[in-house]
C-alpha cells in the first residue's frame, strides 16, 4: 500500500481492505492519543499489569514513575509493550478496555472503518485487526502531529529506568538505509508476521507505505514501494492556503471571497497528462452576521477518479448583520444558485500547466 501523505491519494494498493493482525503498528494510535490527550511531562506510575506484559519491554518496575514522553519513546523506538500498557492505563483511567474504546472512536474519526483495537500493544487477539488502508490513514493523521514526527524520526535515545538503563535504538532500519525516511513503525508477531509502516520525503513530496504480513524482505519491499512513488509521481500544488477559490455575492453588497483554509499538494503521474477536477459546495442557509474565517463551504478535488479529502472554505472578511442572504455565488466564472448542490469544475488546462511550469522552474530537480 502506498499513499500520498499530503492528499491521501492511493498510488499503489494490493488487498488494501483485507483485515489482518497488525502487531506493534498498533502503537501508532497509542502514541497519537497520548500526544493529543496528555502533557509530555506528566508522571505515570507503572502498574503490575504493565510489568507482567509479554514481548518486547524496557523492564519497567511496579511503582516506578516515568513521564509520558519517556514512555512514548520507549513504545515507538524500542516497541516496548510495558510502556504501551502504561500509556493505555493512564489514558483509560486505569482501564485498558476504556482506552480501547478511545482508540476505536479515534479510528472512526480518521476514517479507519475496518479497524478494531482491543489493546494498546498489538499483541495477538482475534478481535484486534486493521487493514493496510486504515493503517495508512492513521499514520497520515499521526504524521500531522509535530511531536509524533519527531519521535518516529529519532534513531537513538538514552533510557534511564529504575533498574534498567540502555540506549533505545529505533527498530526502523530505513532510518539508516533509505535517504529521506521520516518514520514510522515496525511490528512483528507470529500471527501478524513482519509489518512495516514507513514514510519518506523528497523535495516536499512525502509518501507513506504500509506492508502487513510481510516476510524477511520487508525492508526491500518498502524501499521499492517508496522508489516507485518518487520515480513515477511528482508533487503538484493545486491550491494554496489563503488562495481565493470562489466568491459569494450579497444583494447591495460587495462580493466576499471564500479562501482555502489549507494548502493541497497531490501526486501527479510523470508520464501522462492529468486534469484534476474540483467540486465546490457552499452552505445553502448562510445568514448574516458572519465572521471572518467562518467555514461556509468546502472544496474537493478529484484526481484519477479518487475523491480527495475536502478543504474547508472560509470567509475572507466579516459579513455584517445588515446584509441580506446571498443570491448567488460565483465559481470559476459561472454563477450558480446558492443551495445544496455540487458543481463540477474542470480547472482550465492553461492555468494548470502555467502553475506547473512555474513550480518546475522554482523546484530543484528530482534525482531518481
Protein backbone atom coordinates (compact mmCIF):
# COMPACT_ATOMS: atom_id res chain seq x y z
CA UNK A 1 0.00 0.00 0.00
CA UNK A 2 1.38 3.41 -0.99
CA UNK A 3 -0.29 6.71 -0.10
CA UNK A 4 0.46 10.38 -0.68
CA UNK A 5 0.88 11.74 2.85
CA UNK A 6 -0.50 15.16 1.96
CA UNK A 7 -3.51 14.35 -0.18
CA UNK A 8 -4.32 10.80 0.91
CA UNK A 9 -4.19 9.58 -2.70
CA UNK A 10 -3.69 5.86 -3.16
CA UNK A 11 -0.74 5.41 -5.52
CA UNK A 12 -0.47 1.63 -5.25
CA UNK A 13 -2.56 -0.97 -3.45
CA UNK A 14 -2.75 -4.74 -3.15
CA UNK A 15 -5.57 -6.08 -0.97
CA UNK A 16 -5.78 -2.75 0.91
CA UNK A 17 -9.05 -3.63 2.68
CA UNK A 18 -8.16 -7.12 3.91
CA UNK A 19 -8.48 -7.33 7.70
CA UNK A 20 -5.23 -8.56 9.24
CA UNK A 21 -3.40 -8.62 12.58
CA UNK A 22 -1.19 -5.55 12.80
CA UNK A 23 1.25 -6.23 15.66
CA UNK A 24 3.02 -3.15 17.03
CA UNK A 25 1.89 -0.81 14.27
CA UNK A 26 -0.99 -0.52 16.77
CA UNK A 27 1.28 1.76 18.80
CA UNK A 28 0.86 4.50 16.19
CA UNK A 29 -2.65 5.04 17.56
CA UNK A 30 -1.48 4.64 21.16
CA UNK A 31 1.13 7.33 20.63
CA UNK A 32 -1.25 9.66 18.79
CA UNK A 33 -3.84 9.54 21.58
CA UNK A 34 -1.20 10.15 24.24
CA UNK A 35 0.07 13.21 22.37
CA UNK A 36 -3.46 14.53 21.91
CA UNK A 37 -4.67 13.98 25.47
CA UNK A 38 -1.72 14.22 27.84
CA UNK A 39 1.16 16.54 28.66
CA UNK A 40 4.60 15.17 27.88
CA UNK A 41 5.94 15.80 31.38
CA UNK A 42 3.01 14.07 33.12
CA UNK A 43 4.32 11.38 35.51
CA UNK A 44 2.88 7.87 35.15
CA UNK A 45 3.12 5.28 37.92
CA UNK A 46 3.77 1.82 36.49
CA UNK A 47 1.28 -0.91 37.39
CA UNK A 48 1.76 -4.62 37.96
CA UNK A 49 -0.21 -5.24 34.76
CA UNK A 50 2.34 -3.29 32.73
CA UNK A 51 5.25 -5.11 34.34
CA UNK A 52 3.77 -8.53 33.57
CA UNK A 53 3.11 -7.95 29.85
CA UNK A 54 4.90 -10.26 27.42
CA UNK A 55 7.06 -9.38 24.43
CA UNK A 56 9.50 -6.52 23.96
CA UNK A 57 9.98 -4.40 27.10
CA UNK A 58 12.14 -1.79 28.77
CA UNK A 59 11.76 -3.72 32.05
CA UNK A 60 9.68 -1.22 33.96
CA UNK A 61 9.27 -1.89 37.69
CA UNK A 62 5.96 -1.82 39.55
CA UNK A 63 5.64 1.57 41.25
CA UNK A 64 8.31 3.13 39.03
CA UNK A 65 7.48 6.57 37.66
CA UNK A 66 8.16 7.61 34.07
CA UNK A 67 6.98 10.61 32.08
CA UNK A 68 4.56 10.33 29.18
CA UNK A 69 7.37 11.45 26.88
CA UNK A 70 9.77 8.74 28.03
CA UNK A 71 7.09 6.09 27.65
CA UNK A 72 6.31 7.30 24.12
CA UNK A 73 9.93 6.98 23.02
CA UNK A 74 10.16 3.52 24.58
CA UNK A 75 6.97 2.37 22.85
CA UNK A 76 7.79 3.81 19.43
CA UNK A 77 11.56 3.23 19.17
CA UNK A 78 12.04 0.04 21.14
CA UNK A 79 8.41 -1.11 20.68
CA UNK A 80 8.20 -1.66 24.43
CA UNK A 81 4.91 -3.30 25.38
CA UNK A 82 5.21 -2.38 29.06
CA UNK A 83 5.46 1.29 28.07
CA UNK A 84 2.41 0.97 25.80
CA UNK A 85 0.38 -0.67 28.59
CA UNK A 86 1.37 2.11 30.98
CA UNK A 87 0.21 4.72 28.47
CA UNK A 88 -3.06 2.90 27.83
CA UNK A 89 -3.83 2.52 31.53
CA UNK A 90 -3.09 6.18 32.22
CA UNK A 91 -5.24 7.47 29.36
CA UNK A 92 -8.02 4.98 30.13
CA UNK A 93 -8.08 5.93 33.82
CA UNK A 94 -6.75 2.53 34.77
CA UNK A 95 -8.82 0.57 32.25
CA UNK A 96 -7.39 -0.85 29.04
CA UNK A 97 -10.95 -1.55 27.91
CA UNK A 98 -11.75 2.15 28.19
CA UNK A 99 -8.60 3.00 26.29
CA UNK A 100 -9.56 0.56 23.53
CA UNK A 101 -12.88 2.38 23.19
CA UNK A 102 -10.94 5.63 22.80
CA UNK A 103 -8.73 4.04 20.15
CA UNK A 104 -11.70 2.82 18.14
CA UNK A 105 -13.52 6.14 18.38
CA UNK A 106 -10.45 7.97 17.11
CA UNK A 107 -10.03 5.45 14.30
CA UNK A 108 -13.60 6.12 13.13
CA UNK A 109 -12.96 9.87 13.22
CA UNK A 110 -9.97 9.35 10.93
CA UNK A 111 -12.00 7.15 8.57
CA UNK A 112 -10.47 3.81 9.53
CA UNK A 113 -13.77 1.93 9.45
CA UNK A 114 -12.32 -1.59 9.11
CA UNK A 115 -10.23 -1.41 12.26
CA UNK A 116 -10.83 -2.74 15.76
CA UNK A 117 -8.42 -2.28 18.67
CA UNK A 118 -8.59 -4.25 21.91
CA UNK A 119 -5.20 -3.34 23.39
CA UNK A 120 -2.52 -0.62 23.10
CA UNK A 121 0.30 -3.02 22.16
CA UNK A 122 -0.82 -5.04 19.16
CA UNK A 123 -0.33 -8.37 20.90
CA UNK A 124 -2.34 -11.07 19.16
CA UNK A 125 -6.10 -11.14 19.68
CA UNK A 126 -8.63 -12.34 17.11
CA UNK A 127 -10.66 -9.17 17.66
CA UNK A 128 -7.66 -6.88 17.13
CA UNK A 129 -7.18 -6.08 13.44
CA UNK A 130 -6.93 -3.44 10.77
CA UNK A 131 -6.20 -3.07 7.06
CA UNK A 132 -3.32 -1.61 5.09
CA UNK A 133 -5.53 1.28 4.00
CA UNK A 134 -6.74 2.04 7.52
CA UNK A 135 -3.23 1.92 8.94
CA UNK A 136 -2.10 4.35 6.23
CA UNK A 137 -4.93 6.71 7.21
CA UNK A 138 -3.99 6.51 10.89
CA UNK A 139 -0.30 7.03 10.12
CA UNK A 140 -1.11 10.01 7.90
CA UNK A 141 -3.14 11.59 10.70
CA UNK A 142 -0.39 10.95 13.23
CA UNK A 143 2.27 12.47 10.99
CA UNK A 144 0.39 15.76 11.15
CA UNK A 145 1.45 15.96 14.80
CA UNK A 146 4.92 17.60 15.05
CA UNK A 147 5.94 15.72 18.19
CA UNK A 148 4.89 12.40 16.68
CA UNK A 149 7.07 13.17 13.66
CA UNK A 150 9.97 13.98 15.95
CA UNK A 151 9.61 10.73 17.88
CA UNK A 152 9.35 8.38 14.90
CA UNK A 153 12.30 10.04 13.14
CA UNK A 154 14.56 9.60 16.18
CA UNK A 155 17.25 6.98 15.69
CA UNK A 156 18.50 6.58 19.26
CA UNK A 157 17.68 7.95 22.70
CA UNK A 158 19.01 7.21 26.18
CA UNK A 159 16.70 5.31 28.52
CA UNK A 160 17.09 5.59 32.27
CA UNK A 161 14.79 3.30 34.19
CA UNK A 162 14.69 2.45 37.86
CA UNK A 163 16.66 -0.76 37.34
CA UNK A 164 17.32 -0.80 33.61
CA UNK A 165 19.40 1.65 31.60
CA UNK A 166 20.09 1.38 27.89
CA UNK A 167 20.20 3.28 24.63
CA UNK A 168 16.90 2.92 22.78
CA UNK A 169 17.52 2.13 19.11
CA UNK A 170 14.74 2.66 16.59
CA UNK A 171 13.83 -0.67 15.01
CA UNK A 172 13.02 1.02 11.69
CA UNK A 173 16.12 0.18 9.62
CA UNK A 174 15.06 2.53 6.83
CA UNK A 175 16.10 5.47 9.02
CA UNK A 176 19.66 4.35 8.33
CA UNK A 177 19.38 2.85 4.86
CA UNK A 178 16.80 4.88 2.90
CA UNK A 179 17.55 8.59 2.36
CA UNK A 180 14.67 10.87 3.31
CA UNK A 181 12.99 8.41 5.69
CA UNK A 182 10.80 10.21 8.24
CA UNK A 183 9.28 7.24 10.16
CA UNK A 184 7.19 5.40 11.20
CA UNK A 185 6.73 2.00 12.96
CA UNK A 186 7.67 -1.66 12.76
CA UNK A 187 5.77 -4.65 14.10
CA UNK A 188 6.05 -8.39 14.46
CA UNK A 189 4.10 -11.27 15.97
CA UNK A 190 3.80 -14.84 14.75
CA UNK A 191 0.24 -14.13 13.66
CA UNK A 192 0.92 -10.76 12.03
CA UNK A 193 4.36 -11.66 10.65
CA UNK A 194 6.53 -8.68 9.69
CA UNK A 195 4.73 -5.35 9.47
CA UNK A 196 6.19 -2.01 8.47
CA UNK A 197 4.69 1.45 8.16
CA UNK A 198 7.29 3.67 6.54
CA UNK A 199 7.38 7.25 5.34
CA UNK A 200 9.88 9.23 3.32
CA UNK A 201 10.10 12.71 1.86
CA UNK A 202 11.87 14.13 -1.19
CA UNK A 203 11.59 17.78 -2.20
CA UNK A 204 8.43 18.26 -0.18
CA UNK A 205 6.82 15.12 -1.59
CA UNK A 206 6.05 12.73 1.28
CA UNK A 207 4.79 9.17 0.85
CA UNK A 208 3.58 6.52 3.29
CA UNK A 209 3.99 2.80 2.60
CA UNK A 210 2.29 0.01 4.56
CA UNK A 211 3.16 -3.68 4.43
CA UNK A 212 1.27 -6.16 6.62
CA UNK A 213 2.03 -9.86 6.84
CA UNK A 214 5.41 -9.46 5.16
CA UNK A 215 8.45 -11.69 5.03
CA UNK A 216 12.11 -11.09 5.80
CA UNK A 217 12.48 -8.86 2.73
CA UNK A 218 10.07 -6.28 4.10
CA UNK A 219 12.77 -3.58 4.08
CA UNK A 220 13.47 -4.05 0.39
CA UNK A 221 9.74 -4.20 -0.38
CA UNK A 222 9.06 -0.97 1.45
CA UNK A 223 12.00 0.79 -0.20
CA UNK A 224 10.74 -0.46 -3.55
CA UNK A 225 7.28 0.97 -2.91
CA UNK A 226 8.74 4.34 -1.98
CA UNK A 227 11.02 4.29 -5.03
CA UNK A 228 8.01 3.54 -7.21
CA UNK A 229 6.17 6.56 -5.85
CA UNK A 230 9.04 9.00 -6.18
CA UNK A 231 10.04 7.79 -9.64
CA UNK A 232 6.55 7.74 -11.18
CA UNK A 233 4.88 10.70 -9.46
CA UNK A 234 5.65 14.35 -8.97
CA UNK A 235 4.23 16.63 -6.28
CA UNK A 236 1.96 19.41 -7.54
CA UNK A 237 0.22 22.15 -5.58
CA UNK A 238 -3.44 22.53 -6.55
CA UNK A 239 -4.40 25.24 -4.07
CA UNK A 240 -2.52 27.29 -1.51
CA UNK A 241 -3.70 28.24 1.95
CA UNK A 242 -5.43 31.61 1.76
CA UNK A 243 -5.99 31.40 -2.00
CA UNK A 244 -9.34 32.67 -3.29
CA UNK A 245 -11.42 29.77 -4.56
CA UNK A 246 -14.76 31.45 -5.24
CA UNK A 247 -16.88 34.42 -4.11
CA UNK A 248 -20.30 34.95 -2.58
CA UNK A 249 -22.37 37.93 -3.67
CA UNK A 250 -24.82 39.55 -1.25
CA UNK A 251 -27.55 41.95 -2.50
CA UNK A 252 -26.30 45.54 -2.48
CA UNK A 253 -23.02 44.37 -1.04
CA UNK A 254 -19.61 43.69 -2.48
CA UNK A 255 -18.51 40.17 -3.24
CA UNK A 256 -16.96 38.26 -0.37
CA UNK A 257 -14.12 35.89 -1.18
CA UNK A 258 -14.03 32.30 0.02
CA UNK A 259 -10.49 31.18 0.79
CA UNK A 260 -8.88 27.76 1.05
CA UNK A 261 -8.22 27.04 4.73
CA UNK A 262 -5.16 24.95 3.90
CA UNK A 263 -2.91 24.04 1.01
CA UNK A 264 -3.20 20.85 -1.00
CA UNK A 265 -0.34 19.11 -2.77
CA UNK A 266 -1.04 15.96 -4.73
CA UNK A 267 0.87 13.32 -6.65
CA UNK A 268 0.59 13.53 -10.42
CA UNK A 269 1.98 10.90 -12.83
CA UNK A 270 5.18 11.99 -14.55
CA UNK A 271 4.47 10.06 -17.73
CA UNK A 272 0.93 11.13 -18.60
CA UNK A 273 -1.34 14.15 -18.68
CA UNK A 274 -3.63 14.55 -15.67
CA UNK A 275 -6.50 17.01 -15.42
CA UNK A 276 -7.58 17.46 -11.78
CA UNK A 277 -11.21 18.38 -11.26
CA UNK A 278 -12.73 20.27 -8.36
CA UNK A 279 -16.09 20.34 -6.63
CA UNK A 280 -17.28 23.38 -4.71
CA UNK A 281 -20.11 23.32 -2.20
CA UNK A 282 -21.46 26.35 -0.32
CA UNK A 283 -23.84 26.15 2.63
CA UNK A 284 -27.41 26.91 1.49
CA UNK A 285 -28.60 28.79 4.60
CA UNK A 286 -25.99 31.47 5.15
CA UNK A 287 -27.49 34.15 7.38
CA UNK A 288 -25.52 37.26 8.34
CA UNK A 289 -23.85 38.24 10.55
CA UNK A 290 -20.95 36.01 9.52
CA UNK A 291 -17.46 36.23 10.99
CA UNK A 292 -14.25 36.42 9.01
CA UNK A 293 -12.70 32.96 8.95
CA UNK A 294 -16.03 31.19 9.38
CA UNK A 295 -16.35 27.92 7.43
CA UNK A 296 -19.12 28.30 4.84
CA UNK A 297 -18.30 25.62 2.27
CA UNK A 298 -15.81 23.10 1.06
CA UNK A 299 -13.58 22.34 -1.90
CA UNK A 300 -12.98 18.76 -3.03
CA UNK A 301 -10.60 17.63 -5.75
CA UNK A 302 -10.96 14.52 -7.88
CA UNK A 303 -7.79 13.00 -9.35
CA UNK A 304 -7.90 9.80 -11.40
CA UNK A 305 -11.41 9.06 -10.08
CA UNK A 306 -10.23 9.41 -6.46
CA UNK A 307 -12.15 11.95 -4.40
CA UNK A 308 -9.65 13.54 -2.04
CA UNK A 309 -10.23 14.94 1.43
CA UNK A 310 -12.30 18.14 1.37
CA UNK A 311 -10.75 21.51 2.18
CA UNK A 312 -12.94 23.87 4.26
CA UNK A 313 -13.65 27.22 2.61
CA UNK A 314 -13.62 30.24 4.92
CA UNK A 315 -14.86 33.81 4.60
CA UNK A 316 -12.15 36.34 3.83
CA UNK A 317 -13.97 39.09 5.73
CA UNK A 318 -16.86 39.76 8.06
CA UNK A 319 -20.40 39.98 6.68
CA UNK A 320 -22.45 42.36 8.88
CA UNK A 321 -25.96 41.65 10.11
CA UNK A 322 -27.34 44.37 7.81
CA UNK A 323 -26.56 42.21 4.78
CA UNK A 324 -29.26 40.06 3.24
CA UNK A 325 -28.84 36.39 2.42
CA UNK A 326 -26.69 35.80 -0.66
CA UNK A 327 -28.41 35.47 -4.02
CA UNK A 328 -25.65 33.53 -5.72
CA UNK A 329 -22.06 32.57 -5.62
CA UNK A 330 -19.52 32.84 -8.37
CA UNK A 331 -17.49 29.72 -9.06
CA UNK A 332 -14.88 29.51 -11.76
CA UNK A 333 -16.58 32.33 -13.66
CA UNK A 334 -20.01 30.66 -13.52
CA UNK A 335 -22.99 31.84 -11.47
CA UNK A 336 -24.68 29.05 -9.52
CA UNK A 337 -27.75 29.48 -7.32
CA UNK A 338 -26.97 29.04 -3.65
CA UNK A 339 -28.21 25.68 -2.37
CA UNK A 340 -27.26 22.13 -1.62
CA UNK A 341 -25.53 21.40 -4.86
CA UNK A 342 -22.20 20.16 -6.09
CA UNK A 343 -20.77 21.95 -9.07
CA UNK A 344 -18.13 20.10 -11.08
CA UNK A 345 -15.37 22.32 -12.35
CA UNK A 346 -12.51 21.41 -14.63
CA UNK A 347 -9.56 23.65 -13.86
CA UNK A 348 -8.61 25.22 -17.20
CA UNK A 349 -5.67 23.46 -18.76
CA UNK A 350 -3.76 26.66 -19.41
CA UNK A 351 -3.98 27.67 -15.72
CA UNK A 352 -2.96 24.21 -14.56
CA UNK A 353 0.03 23.95 -16.87
CA UNK A 354 1.10 27.54 -16.22
CA UNK A 355 1.23 26.82 -12.48
CA UNK A 356 3.05 23.54 -13.10
CA UNK A 357 5.61 25.30 -15.31
CA UNK A 358 6.26 27.91 -12.63
CA UNK A 359 6.69 25.26 -9.93
CA UNK A 360 9.07 23.25 -12.10
CA UNK A 361 11.18 26.36 -12.65
CA UNK A 362 11.34 27.07 -8.92
CA UNK A 363 11.76 23.49 -7.73
CA UNK A 364 15.04 21.61 -7.56
CA UNK A 365 15.12 18.72 -10.00
CA UNK A 366 14.28 15.22 -8.81
CA UNK A 367 17.12 12.73 -8.75
CA UNK A 368 15.85 9.18 -9.17
